[in-house]
């Protein structure tokens, strides 16, 4: 079906907003965007009059849990954290997402058309994330990229989860040690695997370490859940040590380090902002944070963490 959206306040991905703009859609694809006198509306298309309304691109939720933490269901639909192993690199969010979750309907009604769905922050290494569209019968119908990144967490969450079990990691140094040990093993694994391949000899594969090698090779970025400034320095220290692509998620105290983050060209996914300061490490959260980061030159995305 061909559609023309006319007379709206059109905000394109690139360029200035267009008052009284026109958007043409053919076979589900945008084919033209411009002022009314720049875009010709073909005969016979469905015309949607958007006068007095905004016309926006679909929003991308860069850090979400829709479908993996289902609406209304409680524990039966919460598959966000496999909190039995501090190193969950082999876990895949795609295996736990229910496409029938009501949250997808809510997301679409709010204009969110795609999302990166991530494991939670209960583990130092949570698992593989997946980028999807918000509609489709199966995950294969929705799939954009898997893995889109690997999720990791520093700070209160993993130390609380495993501290309650009286096992490693129960401190911040323990959380960092789990991540450092995992990447050290992955470096050794990669060397042995590559040598075996060159020699044509059998080699026992390991899904956990294969995922971490993808991070070491730069094929997928490392999405680091982190709130406090000191934990951000730990994230940067680990990234420097192992050379992976770091993306800071949440970045609650990022306004305190905006110059450093900008100098390192580290992208940031910040938020959620419209919630209470529910734990110690988010006590310095400020609505001014994203603007401070942006003005410092940081590439910033906003997340609802839905």
Protein backbone atom coordinates (compact mmCIF):
# COMPACT_ATOMS: atom_id res chain seq x y z
CA UNK A 1 0.00 0.00 0.00
CA UNK A 2 1.22 3.50 -0.87
CA UNK A 3 0.62 6.26 1.69
CA UNK A 4 1.21 10.02 1.70
CA UNK A 5 1.38 11.78 5.07
CA UNK A 6 0.81 15.47 4.46
CA UNK A 7 0.72 18.84 6.24
CA UNK A 8 2.49 17.65 9.40
CA UNK A 9 5.49 18.99 11.32
CA UNK A 10 8.02 16.52 9.91
CA UNK A 11 11.20 15.82 11.88
CA UNK A 12 13.60 13.86 9.61
CA UNK A 13 16.53 11.78 10.80
CA UNK A 14 18.91 14.25 9.14
CA UNK A 15 18.20 17.94 8.56
CA UNK A 16 15.92 20.58 9.98
CA UNK A 17 12.24 20.01 10.80
CA UNK A 18 9.79 20.74 7.97
CA UNK A 19 6.63 22.71 8.67
CA UNK A 20 3.77 21.37 6.54
CA UNK A 21 5.94 18.56 5.21
CA UNK A 22 5.09 15.47 3.21
CA UNK A 23 6.25 11.87 3.68
CA UNK A 24 5.69 9.27 0.95
CA UNK A 25 5.64 5.56 1.79
CA UNK A 26 5.63 2.74 -0.77
CA UNK A 27 5.56 -0.96 0.11
CA UNK A 28 6.42 -0.18 3.73
CA UNK A 29 9.43 2.00 2.84
CA UNK A 30 9.82 5.77 3.05
CA UNK A 31 10.54 6.97 -0.49
CA UNK A 32 10.44 10.76 -0.09
CA UNK A 33 10.52 13.41 2.64
CA UNK A 34 10.26 17.14 2.03
CA UNK A 35 8.25 20.33 1.93
CA UNK A 36 4.85 20.26 0.26
CA UNK A 37 6.18 21.99 -2.85
CA UNK A 38 9.11 19.55 -3.09
CA UNK A 39 7.23 16.23 -2.97
CA UNK A 40 4.60 15.27 -5.52
CA UNK A 41 1.81 13.08 -4.15
CA UNK A 42 0.97 10.39 -6.76
CA UNK A 43 -2.57 9.75 -7.88
CA UNK A 44 -4.51 7.07 -6.03
CA UNK A 45 -2.42 6.86 -2.84
CA UNK A 46 -4.00 6.94 0.60
CA UNK A 47 -3.55 10.43 2.05
CA UNK A 48 -3.21 10.94 5.81
CA UNK A 49 -3.74 14.55 6.87
CA UNK A 50 -1.29 15.24 9.71
CA UNK A 51 -2.06 18.94 10.12
CA UNK A 52 -1.37 20.00 13.71
CA UNK A 53 0.60 16.80 14.39
CA UNK A 54 4.26 15.81 14.54
CA UNK A 55 5.60 13.20 12.10
CA UNK A 56 8.63 11.44 13.57
CA UNK A 57 10.89 8.53 12.61
CA UNK A 58 10.49 5.37 14.66
CA UNK A 59 12.31 5.55 17.97
CA UNK A 60 15.11 3.08 18.70
CA UNK A 61 15.35 1.83 22.29
CA UNK A 62 19.07 1.14 22.69
CA UNK A 63 18.75 -0.62 26.06
CA UNK A 64 15.54 -2.54 26.68
CA UNK A 65 14.16 -5.68 28.32
CA UNK A 66 10.79 -5.99 26.55
CA UNK A 67 9.77 -9.59 26.01
CA UNK A 68 12.55 -10.99 28.20
CA UNK A 69 10.95 -9.45 31.32
CA UNK A 70 7.29 -9.84 30.41
CA UNK A 71 4.47 -7.56 31.53
CA UNK A 72 2.16 -8.73 34.37
CA UNK A 73 3.51 -12.28 34.60
CA UNK A 74 6.06 -12.02 37.43
CA UNK A 75 8.72 -14.70 37.90
CA UNK A 76 7.25 -17.00 35.23
CA UNK A 77 7.92 -14.40 32.53
CA UNK A 78 11.14 -12.96 33.95
CA UNK A 79 14.06 -14.48 32.09
CA UNK A 80 16.30 -11.41 32.31
CA UNK A 81 19.09 -12.75 34.53
CA UNK A 82 20.60 -16.24 34.73
CA UNK A 83 21.99 -15.52 38.19
CA UNK A 84 23.68 -18.87 38.72
CA UNK A 85 26.92 -18.07 36.87
CA UNK A 86 28.82 -14.75 37.13
CA UNK A 87 30.06 -15.24 33.56
CA UNK A 88 26.98 -15.62 31.37
CA UNK A 89 28.63 -14.71 28.06
CA UNK A 90 27.12 -17.81 26.42
CA UNK A 91 23.57 -16.73 27.37
CA UNK A 92 21.52 -15.30 24.50
CA UNK A 93 18.66 -12.88 25.04
CA UNK A 94 17.02 -14.10 21.82
CA UNK A 95 16.30 -17.47 23.46
CA UNK A 96 14.20 -15.87 26.23
CA UNK A 97 12.09 -13.24 24.44
CA UNK A 98 8.36 -13.85 24.12
CA UNK A 99 7.11 -12.07 20.96
CA UNK A 100 3.58 -12.10 22.43
CA UNK A 101 4.56 -9.89 25.38
CA UNK A 102 2.12 -6.98 25.82
CA UNK A 103 5.13 -4.71 26.20
CA UNK A 104 5.72 -4.82 22.45
CA UNK A 105 2.22 -3.40 21.82
CA UNK A 106 2.90 -0.62 24.34
CA UNK A 107 6.25 0.15 22.69
CA UNK A 108 4.76 0.42 19.22
CA UNK A 109 1.93 2.64 20.47
CA UNK A 110 4.60 5.00 21.82
CA UNK A 111 6.48 5.08 18.54
CA UNK A 112 9.29 2.65 19.44
CA UNK A 113 9.83 0.52 16.35
CA UNK A 114 13.06 -1.28 17.22
CA UNK A 115 15.10 -2.13 20.30
CA UNK A 116 18.26 -3.77 21.53
CA UNK A 117 17.03 -6.31 24.08
CA UNK A 118 19.58 -7.11 26.76
CA UNK A 119 20.04 -9.53 29.61
CA UNK A 120 19.91 -7.84 32.99
CA UNK A 121 22.60 -6.54 35.30
CA UNK A 122 22.66 -9.25 37.94
CA UNK A 123 25.86 -10.80 36.60
CA UNK A 124 29.28 -9.29 35.89
CA UNK A 125 28.80 -10.74 32.38
CA UNK A 126 25.14 -11.05 31.48
CA UNK A 127 25.14 -12.36 27.91
CA UNK A 128 24.52 -11.60 24.26
CA UNK A 129 22.07 -8.86 23.30
CA UNK A 130 19.84 -8.83 20.22
CA UNK A 131 18.54 -6.00 18.02
CA UNK A 132 14.95 -6.54 16.85
CA UNK A 133 11.92 -4.89 15.33
CA UNK A 134 8.93 -4.67 17.64
CA UNK A 135 6.54 -6.74 15.53
CA UNK A 136 6.52 -10.17 13.90
CA UNK A 137 5.34 -13.69 14.75
CA UNK A 138 8.75 -15.06 15.73
CA UNK A 139 12.14 -13.73 16.73
CA UNK A 140 13.40 -14.75 13.29
CA UNK A 141 10.76 -12.44 11.74
CA UNK A 142 11.92 -9.58 13.96
CA UNK A 143 15.69 -10.11 13.90
CA UNK A 144 18.03 -7.27 12.93
CA UNK A 145 21.32 -8.40 14.49
CA UNK A 146 22.51 -11.06 16.95
CA UNK A 147 24.62 -10.46 18.89
CA UNK A 148 24.30 -6.69 18.83
CA UNK A 149 26.63 -6.47 21.83
CA UNK A 150 27.54 -8.30 25.03
CA UNK A 151 26.06 -7.03 28.31
CA UNK A 152 28.18 -6.57 31.41
CA UNK A 153 27.54 -4.96 34.81
CA UNK A 154 29.68 -3.19 37.38
CA UNK A 155 28.61 -1.77 40.71
CA UNK A 156 25.89 -2.65 43.18
CA UNK A 157 23.82 -5.22 41.30
CA UNK A 158 26.27 -8.11 40.81
CA UNK A 159 27.95 -7.61 44.20
CA UNK A 160 24.50 -7.74 45.87
CA UNK A 161 23.35 -10.83 43.95
CA UNK A 162 26.44 -12.90 44.67
CA UNK A 163 27.14 -11.34 48.06
CA UNK A 164 23.75 -12.65 49.18
CA UNK A 165 24.97 -16.10 48.13
CA UNK A 166 28.28 -15.58 49.97
CA UNK A 167 30.24 -16.32 46.82
CA UNK A 168 32.42 -14.48 44.31
CA UNK A 169 31.88 -11.65 43.47
CA UNK A 170 30.66 -9.93 46.63
CA UNK A 171 32.68 -6.71 46.19
CA UNK A 172 33.50 -4.29 43.38
CA UNK A 173 37.01 -5.73 43.16
CA UNK A 174 35.47 -9.19 42.83
CA UNK A 175 33.19 -8.05 39.99
CA UNK A 176 36.15 -6.57 38.09
CA UNK A 177 38.17 -9.73 38.77
CA UNK A 178 35.46 -11.94 37.23
CA UNK A 179 35.52 -9.83 34.05
CA UNK A 180 39.32 -9.68 33.92
CA UNK A 181 39.66 -13.45 34.48
CA UNK A 182 37.09 -14.13 31.75
CA UNK A 183 38.92 -12.04 29.15
CA UNK A 184 42.31 -13.49 30.13
CA UNK A 185 40.91 -16.99 29.56
CA UNK A 186 39.42 -15.82 26.27
CA UNK A 187 42.81 -14.52 25.11
CA UNK A 188 44.42 -17.87 25.94
CA UNK A 189 41.53 -19.75 24.29
CA UNK A 190 41.85 -17.71 21.11
CA UNK A 191 45.57 -18.43 20.88
CA UNK A 192 45.03 -22.18 21.36
CA UNK A 193 42.07 -22.27 18.97
CA UNK A 194 43.91 -20.38 16.23
CA UNK A 195 46.96 -22.62 16.64
CA UNK A 196 44.78 -25.74 16.39
CA UNK A 197 43.19 -24.40 13.22
CA UNK A 198 46.56 -23.66 11.66
CA UNK A 199 47.71 -27.18 12.48
CA UNK A 200 44.44 -28.77 11.38
CA UNK A 201 44.03 -30.48 14.74
CA UNK A 202 40.78 -30.98 16.74
CA UNK A 203 39.88 -28.37 19.32
CA UNK A 204 37.17 -28.31 22.01
CA UNK A 205 35.00 -25.26 21.46
CA UNK A 206 33.59 -23.20 24.34
CA UNK A 207 30.51 -21.02 23.72
CA UNK A 208 31.32 -18.69 26.62
CA UNK A 209 34.85 -18.01 25.39
CA UNK A 210 33.82 -17.85 21.72
CA UNK A 211 31.50 -14.95 22.59
CA UNK A 212 34.26 -13.13 24.49
CA UNK A 213 36.65 -13.64 21.57
CA UNK A 214 34.10 -11.85 19.37
CA UNK A 215 34.39 -8.91 21.77
CA UNK A 216 38.21 -9.06 21.78
CA UNK A 217 38.22 -9.15 17.96
CA UNK A 218 36.04 -6.03 17.83
CA UNK A 219 33.14 -7.81 16.12
CA UNK A 220 30.67 -6.79 18.84
CA UNK A 221 30.87 -3.99 21.44
CA UNK A 222 30.84 -4.35 25.22
CA UNK A 223 27.74 -2.74 26.77
CA UNK A 224 28.77 -1.81 30.31
CA UNK A 225 26.04 -1.24 32.91
CA UNK A 226 27.57 1.40 35.18
CA UNK A 227 26.30 4.28 37.32
CA UNK A 228 29.06 5.71 39.54
CA UNK A 229 32.02 7.70 38.25
CA UNK A 230 34.55 5.39 39.93
CA UNK A 231 32.91 2.38 38.28
CA UNK A 232 33.16 4.17 34.93
CA UNK A 233 36.89 4.49 35.49
CA UNK A 234 36.98 0.74 36.14
CA UNK A 235 35.10 0.20 32.87
CA UNK A 236 37.62 2.32 31.01
CA UNK A 237 40.53 0.56 32.73
CA UNK A 238 39.25 -2.86 31.66
CA UNK A 239 38.59 -1.65 28.10
CA UNK A 240 42.12 -0.27 27.88
CA UNK A 241 43.56 -3.53 29.21
CA UNK A 242 41.76 -5.76 26.71
CA UNK A 243 41.18 -3.38 23.80
CA UNK A 244 37.46 -3.92 23.26
CA UNK A 245 34.85 -1.40 22.07
CA UNK A 246 33.17 0.06 25.16
CA UNK A 247 29.65 1.52 25.30
CA UNK A 248 28.66 2.98 28.68
CA UNK A 249 25.07 2.13 29.65
CA UNK A 250 23.14 4.26 32.20
CA UNK A 251 26.11 6.60 32.83
CA UNK A 252 24.34 8.18 35.81
CA UNK A 253 27.39 10.15 36.97
CA UNK A 254 28.65 10.70 33.45
CA UNK A 255 28.23 14.45 33.84
CA UNK A 256 31.16 14.31 36.28
CA UNK A 257 33.40 12.73 33.61
CA UNK A 258 31.97 14.21 30.43
CA UNK A 259 35.33 15.51 29.21
CA UNK A 260 37.03 12.14 29.72
CA UNK A 261 34.24 10.21 28.02
CA UNK A 262 34.30 12.62 25.08
CA UNK A 263 38.09 12.45 24.75
CA UNK A 264 37.92 8.66 24.57
CA UNK A 265 35.03 8.81 22.05
CA UNK A 266 32.98 6.36 24.14
CA UNK A 267 29.27 6.27 23.16
CA UNK A 268 26.77 6.54 26.00
CA UNK A 269 23.25 5.16 26.49
CA UNK A 270 21.92 7.16 29.43
CA UNK A 271 18.82 6.73 31.57
CA UNK A 272 16.26 5.93 32.76
CA UNK A 273 15.66 9.45 34.02
CA UNK A 274 11.98 9.36 35.04
CA UNK A 275 12.31 7.08 38.07
CA UNK A 276 13.14 7.49 41.75
CA UNK A 277 16.70 7.43 43.05
CA UNK A 278 16.18 3.89 44.25
CA UNK A 279 19.71 2.96 45.33
CA UNK A 280 22.93 4.58 46.50
CA UNK A 281 24.77 4.57 43.18
CA UNK A 282 22.07 6.62 41.40
CA UNK A 283 21.97 9.33 44.08
CA UNK A 284 23.69 11.88 41.80
CA UNK A 285 21.34 11.39 38.86
CA UNK A 286 20.32 14.63 37.19
CA UNK A 287 18.07 15.47 34.26
CA UNK A 288 20.85 17.79 33.12
CA UNK A 289 23.19 14.82 32.53
CA UNK A 290 22.42 14.08 28.87
CA UNK A 291 22.78 17.75 27.94
CA UNK A 292 26.12 18.03 29.72
CA UNK A 293 27.39 14.94 27.90
CA UNK A 294 26.10 16.18 24.55
CA UNK A 295 27.72 19.59 24.92
CA UNK A 296 31.02 17.90 25.78
CA UNK A 297 30.88 16.08 22.44
CA UNK A 298 29.72 12.65 23.64
CA UNK A 299 27.49 10.59 21.32
CA UNK A 300 24.38 10.13 23.49
CA UNK A 301 21.26 7.94 23.29
CA UNK A 302 18.41 8.04 25.79
CA UNK A 303 16.97 4.84 27.25
CA UNK A 304 13.77 4.14 29.14
CA UNK A 305 15.28 0.80 30.32
CA UNK A 306 11.76 -0.55 29.80
